[in-house]
Amino acid sequence: MRIALYQGTPGPLDVPGNLERLQRQAELAASRGAQLLVCPEMFLSGYNIGLEQASRLAEASDGPAAMRVVQIAQAHRIAIAYGYPERGDDGALYNSVQLIDAHGRSLCNYRKTHLFGELDRAMFSPGADHFPVVELDGWKVGLLICYDIEFPENARRLALAGAELILVPTANMTPYDFVCQVTVRSRAQENQCYLVYANYCASEGDIHYCGQSSIVGPDGSLLAMAGREECQLLADLEHEQVRKGRLAFPYLADLRRDLHR
């Protein structure tokens, strides 16, 4: 599978503009042979927007913005993972990511479980115990959001459930560059899975995003890594690399699950 990752500047409060940008990135990614495009956390609305605006812009997972993403995916025959503010059936507000396949079907909607500081907690409710692994073009895919990947239990849980690829839309900021440079590589290697970490660059209010988005192999190698500017990354994934990684480092097979409950 060929994957495209979009690292861009945030577009706070501009859902139509962000959907137009998504359309352009999907067209470019598809023209380059990509089967999946991954965008940052809260991509449709911007991230540092506060409770009032997040609540105003929040939609259901099948709301008007989602239906526009469906049209984009179908038009360009490319799967899309994107972040957005979700209004749940329970009325609560969630920081969510949805995976739409190339036919326009929603494969997965994941709600951020580990909220980061007052920025997240002032806007969102934490997601429930729901860590789905779904199939996309023959790959078993799991999703996390930003701070979630900094807890090793989350990635390990997905790997034990069969995930070969973990998608992580993020809004990581300075001074947490270490996460971009080291943590995401460690999570990929210790679980022998591919990992896609899609961040913002530039600033949004008083937040300065650190860029450095990456696509990481099952051995922790960097297949592609951005600097601090807007860009689209590409990388090719191979099942054989997952198999080789799990033979060389059989952590998942050797794990004493009875000791980790």
Foldseek 3Di string as FASTA:
>chain_A
DKEKEWAAAADAQALVVLLVVVLVVLQVCLVVPHQEYEAAWQRRHGQQHFAVSLLVFAEACPDPSLVSVLVSLQVSLHKYKYWHWHQDPVRFIFTWIWIAGSNSDTFDIDTAADADPCSRVRHGDHDDPDWDWGDHPNFTETEHEAVQLVDLVNLLVSLLVPHQEYEYRYAAFPPVCCCLVPSVLVSLQLSLHKYWYHYYAQDDVPTGGFAFTFIAGSNSHTQDTDGRHTDMDMGDDDPVSSVVSCVVNVCSVPPPVVVPD
